[in-house]
């Protein structure tokens, strides 16, 4: 499982990432956030890895 960072439009990194573990469908992947407590799965948020856009459910 590799962590793929999510970047803003200006190129700055965010604390969010997605995993390429389930790379079969890259249009709707789960978003995770790196915090001081560890890794947390974001609920109600999906990431489209093809268009690089975050979508709220």
PDB file of N, CA and C in Angstrom:
ATOM      1  N   UNK A   1       0.850  -1.173   0.000  1.00  0.00           N
ATOM      2  CA  UNK A   1       0.000   0.000   0.000  1.00  0.00           C
ATOM      3  C   UNK A   1       0.896   1.237   0.000  1.00  0.00           C
ATOM      4  N   UNK A   2       0.741   2.043  -0.998  1.00  0.00           N
ATOM      5  CA  UNK A   2       1.501   3.284  -1.093  1.00  0.00           C
ATOM      6  C   UNK A   2       0.563   4.460  -0.870  1.00  0.00           C
ATOM      7  N   UNK A   3       1.050   5.442  -0.129  1.00  0.00           N
ATOM      8  CA  UNK A   3       0.282   6.654   0.115  1.00  0.00           C
ATOM      9  C   UNK A   3       0.549   7.629  -1.020  1.00  0.00           C
ATOM     10  N   UNK A   4      -0.514   8.095  -1.657  1.00  0.00           N
ATOM     11  CA  UNK A   4      -0.387   9.066  -2.738  1.00  0.00           C
ATOM     12  C   UNK A   4      -0.921  10.386  -2.206  1.00  0.00           C
ATOM     13  N   UNK A   5      -0.036  11.372  -2.053  1.00  0.00           N
ATOM     14  CA  UNK A   5      -0.411  12.664  -1.479  1.00  0.00           C
ATOM     15  C   UNK A   5      -1.353  13.418  -2.401  1.00  0.00           C
ATOM     16  N   UNK A   6      -2.210  14.228  -1.791  1.00  0.00           N
ATOM     17  CA  UNK A   6      -3.110  15.106  -2.530  1.00  0.00           C
ATOM     18  C   UNK A   6      -2.557  16.513  -2.404  1.00  0.00           C
ATOM     19  N   UNK A   7      -2.401  17.183  -3.535  1.00  0.00           N
ATOM     20  CA  UNK A   7      -1.840  18.528  -3.574  1.00  0.00           C
ATOM     21  C   UNK A   7      -2.920  19.536  -3.946  1.00  0.00           C
ATOM     22  N   UNK A   8      -2.754  20.779  -3.471  1.00  0.00           N
ATOM     23  CA  UNK A   8      -3.636  21.867  -3.868  1.00  0.00           C
ATOM     24  C   UNK A   8      -3.320  22.268  -5.300  1.00  0.00           C
ATOM     25  N   UNK A   9      -4.164  23.130  -5.871  1.00  0.00           N
ATOM     26  CA  UNK A   9      -3.950  23.570  -7.249  1.00  0.00           C
ATOM     27  C   UNK A   9      -2.642  24.329  -7.419  1.00  0.00           C
ATOM     28  N   UNK A  10      -2.185  25.008  -6.364  1.00  0.00           N
ATOM     29  CA  UNK A  10      -0.927  25.758  -6.470  1.00  0.00           C
ATOM     30  C   UNK A  10       0.303  24.892  -6.206  1.00  0.00           C
ATOM     31  N   UNK A  11       0.106  23.615  -5.945  1.00  0.00           N
ATOM     32  CA  UNK A  11       1.223  22.691  -5.777  1.00  0.00           C
ATOM     33  C   UNK A  11       1.654  22.437  -4.349  1.00  0.00           C
ATOM     34  N   UNK A  12       1.021  23.093  -3.373  1.00  0.00           N
ATOM     35  CA  UNK A  12       1.390  22.862  -1.980  1.00  0.00           C
ATOM     36  C   UNK A  12       0.742  21.571  -1.475  1.00  0.00           C
ATOM     37  N   UNK A  13       1.454  20.804  -0.671  1.00  0.00           N
ATOM     38  CA  UNK A  13       0.906  19.534  -0.175  1.00  0.00           C
ATOM     39  C   UNK A  13      -0.141  19.757   0.911  1.00  0.00           C
ATOM     40  N   UNK A  14      -1.044  18.818   1.041  1.00  0.00           N
ATOM     41  CA  UNK A  14      -2.066  18.828   2.080  1.00  0.00           C
ATOM     42  C   UNK A  14      -1.825  17.637   3.005  1.00  0.00           C
ATOM     43  N   UNK A  15      -2.464  17.580   4.156  1.00  0.00           N
ATOM     44  CA  UNK A  15      -2.302  16.406   5.029  1.00  0.00           C
ATOM     45  C   UNK A  15      -3.133  15.211   4.559  1.00  0.00           C
ATOM     46  N   UNK A  16      -3.788  15.340   3.421  1.00  0.00           N
ATOM     47  CA  UNK A  16      -4.649  14.286   2.900  1.00  0.00           C
ATOM     48  C   UNK A  16      -3.910  13.428   1.889  1.00  0.00           C
ATOM     49  N   UNK A  17      -4.311  12.150   1.812  1.00  0.00           N
ATOM     50  CA  UNK A  17      -3.734  11.237   0.834  1.00  0.00           C
ATOM     51  C   UNK A  17      -4.730  10.139   0.539  1.00  0.00           C
ATOM     52  N   UNK A  18      -4.470   9.383  -0.500  1.00  0.00           N
ATOM     53  CA  UNK A  18      -5.266   8.208  -0.824  1.00  0.00           C
ATOM     54  C   UNK A  18      -4.330   7.035  -1.047  1.00  0.00           C
ATOM     55  N   UNK A  19      -4.859   5.846  -0.964  1.00  0.00           N
ATOM     56  CA  UNK A  19      -4.057   4.641  -1.068  1.00  0.00           C
ATOM     57  C   UNK A  19      -4.248   4.021  -2.446  1.00  0.00           C
ATOM     58  N   UNK A  20      -3.172   3.552  -3.043  1.00  0.00           N
ATOM     59  CA  UNK A  20      -3.294   2.897  -4.341  1.00  0.00           C
ATOM     60  C   UNK A  20      -3.538   1.396  -4.193  1.00  0.00           C
ATOM     61  N   UNK A  21      -3.906   0.964  -3.005  1.00  0.00           N
ATOM     62  CA  UNK A  21      -4.181  -0.451  -2.759  1.00  0.00           C
ATOM     63  C   UNK A  21      -5.340  -0.936  -3.622  1.00  0.00           C
ATOM     64  N   UNK A  22      -6.392  -0.141  -3.713  1.00  0.00           N
ATOM     65  CA  UNK A  22      -7.539  -0.498  -4.542  1.00  0.00           C
ATOM     66  C   UNK A  22      -7.557   0.410  -5.771  1.00  0.00           C
ATOM     67  N   UNK A  23      -6.520   0.255  -6.598  1.00  0.00           N
ATOM     68  CA  UNK A  23      -6.332   1.153  -7.735  1.00  0.00           C
ATOM     69  C   UNK A  23      -7.158   0.754  -8.949  1.00  0.00           C
ATOM     70  N   UNK A  24      -8.012  -0.240  -8.830  1.00  0.00           N
ATOM     71  CA  UNK A  24      -8.830  -0.646  -9.960  1.00  0.00           C
ATOM     72  C   UNK A  24      -9.781   0.441 -10.394  1.00  0.00           C
ATOM     73  N   UNK A  25     -10.428   1.111  -9.440  1.00  0.00           N
ATOM     74  CA  UNK A  25     -11.345   2.200  -9.750  1.00  0.00           C
ATOM     75  C   UNK A  25     -10.774   3.478  -9.167  1.00  0.00           C
ATOM     76  N   UNK A  26     -10.096   4.263  -9.982  1.00  0.00           N
ATOM     77  CA  UNK A  26      -9.432   5.477  -9.495  1.00  0.00           C
ATOM     78  C   UNK A  26     -10.349   6.690  -9.531  1.00  0.00           C
ATOM     79  N   UNK A  27     -11.618   6.516  -9.909  1.00  0.00           N
ATOM     80  CA  UNK A  27     -12.512   7.661  -9.987  1.00  0.00           C
ATOM     81  C   UNK A  27     -13.217   7.935  -8.666  1.00  0.00           C
ATOM     82  N   UNK A  28     -13.111   7.034  -7.711  1.00  0.00           N
ATOM     83  CA  UNK A  28     -13.812   7.206  -6.443  1.00  0.00           C
ATOM     84  C   UNK A  28     -13.043   6.497  -5.334  1.00  0.00           C
ATOM     85  N   UNK A  29     -11.967   7.114  -4.842  1.00  0.00           N
ATOM     86  CA  UNK A  29     -11.123   6.476  -3.833  1.00  0.00           C
ATOM     87  C   UNK A  29     -11.328   7.133  -2.468  1.00  0.00           C
ATOM     88  N   UNK A  30     -11.035   6.395  -1.425  1.00  0.00           N
ATOM     89  CA  UNK A  30     -11.177   6.867  -0.060  1.00  0.00           C
ATOM     90  C   UNK A  30     -10.044   7.820   0.283  1.00  0.00           C
ATOM     91  N   UNK A  31     -10.378   8.867   1.038  1.00  0.00           N
ATOM     92  CA  UNK A  31      -9.399   9.870   1.444  1.00  0.00           C
ATOM     93  C   UNK A  31      -9.019   9.630   2.900  1.00  0.00           C
ATOM     94  N   UNK A  32      -7.730   9.714   3.198  1.00  0.00           N
ATOM     95  CA  UNK A  32      -7.212   9.577   4.551  1.00  0.00           C
ATOM     96  C   UNK A  32      -6.503  10.868   4.934  1.00  0.00           C
ATOM     97  N   UNK A  33      -6.372  11.102   6.250  1.00  0.00           N
ATOM     98  CA  UNK A  33      -5.689  12.295   6.740  1.00  0.00           C
ATOM     99  C   UNK A  33      -4.638  11.884   7.757  1.00  0.00           C
ATOM    100  N   UNK A  34      -3.433  12.411   7.589  1.00  0.00           N
ATOM    101  CA  UNK A  34      -2.348  12.166   8.549  1.00  0.00           C
ATOM    102  C   UNK A  34      -2.452  13.198   9.665  1.00  0.00           C
ATOM    103  N   UNK A  35      -2.671  12.745  10.911  1.00  0.00           N
ATOM    104  CA  UNK A  35      -2.768  13.632  12.061  1.00  0.00           C
ATOM    105  C   UNK A  35      -1.689  13.251  13.070  1.00  0.00           C
ATOM    106  N   UNK A  36      -1.605  14.015  14.129  1.00  0.00           N
ATOM    107  CA  UNK A  36      -0.629  13.687  15.181  1.00  0.00           C
ATOM    108  C   UNK A  36      -1.013  12.411  15.922  1.00  0.00           C
ATOM    109  N   UNK A  37      -2.298  12.047  15.874  1.00  0.00           N
ATOM    110  CA  UNK A  37      -2.777  10.819  16.513  1.00  0.00           C
ATOM    111  C   UNK A  37      -2.606   9.596  15.623  1.00  0.00           C
ATOM    112  N   UNK A  38      -2.302   9.795  14.351  1.00  0.00           N
ATOM    113  CA  UNK A  38      -2.163   8.692  13.411  1.00  0.00           C
ATOM    114  C   UNK A  38      -2.926   8.983  12.134  1.00  0.00           C
ATOM    115  N   UNK A  39      -3.305   7.928  11.442  1.00  0.00           N
ATOM    116  CA  UNK A  39      -4.026   8.068  10.176  1.00  0.00           C
ATOM    117  C   UNK A  39      -5.512   7.902  10.434  1.00  0.00           C
ATOM    118  N   UNK A  40      -6.316   8.807   9.871  1.00  0.00           N
ATOM    119  CA  UNK A  40      -7.761   8.743  10.025  1.00  0.00           C
ATOM    120  C   UNK A  40      -8.424   8.724   8.662  1.00  0.00           C
ATOM    121  N   UNK A  41      -9.438   7.882   8.523  1.00  0.00           N
ATOM    122  CA  UNK A  41     -10.205   7.819   7.283  1.00  0.00           C
ATOM    123  C   UNK A  41     -11.248   8.911   7.307  1.00  0.00           C
ATOM    124  N   UNK A  42     -11.341   9.678   6.234  1.00  0.00           N
ATOM    125  CA  UNK A  42     -12.295  10.774   6.153  1.00  0.00           C
ATOM    126  C   UNK A  42     -13.638  10.227   5.697  1.00  0.00           C
ATOM    127  N   UNK A  43     -14.682  10.553   6.448  1.00  0.00           N
ATOM    128  CA  UNK A  43     -16.030  10.099   6.113  1.00  0.00           C
ATOM    129  C   UNK A  43     -16.741  11.173   5.297  1.00  0.00           C
ATOM    130  N   UNK A  44     -17.478  10.753   4.288  1.00  0.00           N
ATOM    131  CA  UNK A  44     -18.233  11.682   3.469  1.00  0.00           C
ATOM    132  C   UNK A  44     -17.409  12.409   2.437  1.00  0.00           C
ATOM    133  N   UNK A  45     -16.180  11.949   2.196  1.00  0.00           N
ATOM    134  CA  UNK A  45     -15.292  12.599   1.234  1.00  0.00           C
ATOM    135  C   UNK A  45     -14.698  11.527   0.332  1.00  0.00           C
ATOM    136  N   UNK A  46     -14.718  11.761  -0.961  1.00  0.00           N
ATOM    137  CA  UNK A  46     -14.092  10.873  -1.935  1.00  0.00           C
ATOM    138  C   UNK A  46     -13.163  11.698  -2.819  1.00  0.00           C
ATOM    139  N   UNK A  47     -12.191  11.034  -3.418  1.00  0.00           N
ATOM    140  CA  UNK A  47     -11.232  11.719  -4.281  1.00  0.00           C
ATOM    141  C   UNK A  47     -11.238  11.061  -5.642  1.00  0.00           C
ATOM    142  N   UNK A  48     -11.314  11.872  -6.688  1.00  0.00           N
ATOM    143  CA  UNK A  48     -11.215  11.382  -8.052  1.00  0.00           C
ATOM    144  C   UNK A  48      -9.765  11.534  -8.484  1.00  0.00           C
ATOM    145  N   UNK A  49      -9.042  10.432  -8.559  1.00  0.00           N
ATOM    146  CA  UNK A  49      -7.617  10.472  -8.875  1.00  0.00           C
ATOM    147  C   UNK A  49      -7.356  10.791 -10.335  1.00  0.00           C
ATOM    148  N   UNK A  50      -8.355  10.656 -11.181  1.00  0.00           N
ATOM    149  CA  UNK A  50      -8.176  10.957 -12.596  1.00  0.00           C
ATOM    150  C   UNK A  50      -8.189  12.468 -12.817  1.00  0.00           C
ATOM    151  N   UNK A  51      -9.138  13.170 -12.172  1.00  0.00           N
ATOM    152  CA  UNK A  51      -9.258  14.619 -12.357  1.00  0.00           C
ATOM    153  C   UNK A  51      -8.648  15.423 -11.214  1.00  0.00           C
ATOM    154  N   UNK A  52      -8.124  14.764 -10.175  1.00  0.00           N
ATOM    155  CA  UNK A  52      -7.523  15.406  -8.994  1.00  0.00           C
ATOM    156  C   UNK A  52      -8.496  16.344  -8.295  1.00  0.00           C
ATOM    157  N   UNK A  53      -9.697  15.870  -8.042  1.00  0.00           N
ATOM    158  CA  UNK A  53     -10.703  16.680  -7.350  1.00  0.00           C
ATOM    159  C   UNK A  53     -11.306  15.895  -6.189  1.00  0.00           C
ATOM    160  N   UNK A  54     -11.521  16.596  -5.074  1.00  0.00           N
ATOM    161  CA  UNK A  54     -12.171  16.014  -3.914  1.00  0.00           C
ATOM    162  C   UNK A  54     -13.665  16.271  -4.024  1.00  0.00           C
ATOM    163  N   UNK A  55     -14.447  15.240  -3.720  1.00  0.00           N
ATOM    164  CA  UNK A  55     -15.903  15.327  -3.804  1.00  0.00           C
ATOM    165  C   UNK A  55     -16.506  15.014  -2.448  1.00  0.00           C
ATOM    166  N   UNK A  56     -17.391  15.864  -1.970  1.00  0.00           N
ATOM    167  CA  UNK A  56     -18.097  15.611  -0.717  1.00  0.00           C
ATOM    168  C   UNK A  56     -19.385  14.865  -1.037  1.00  0.00           C
ATOM    169  N   UNK A  57     -19.692  13.870  -0.214  1.00  0.00           N
ATOM    170  CA  UNK A  57     -20.936  13.095  -0.408  1.00  0.00           C
ATOM    171  C   UNK A  57     -22.140  13.846   0.069  1.00  0.00           C
TER     172      UNK A  57
END
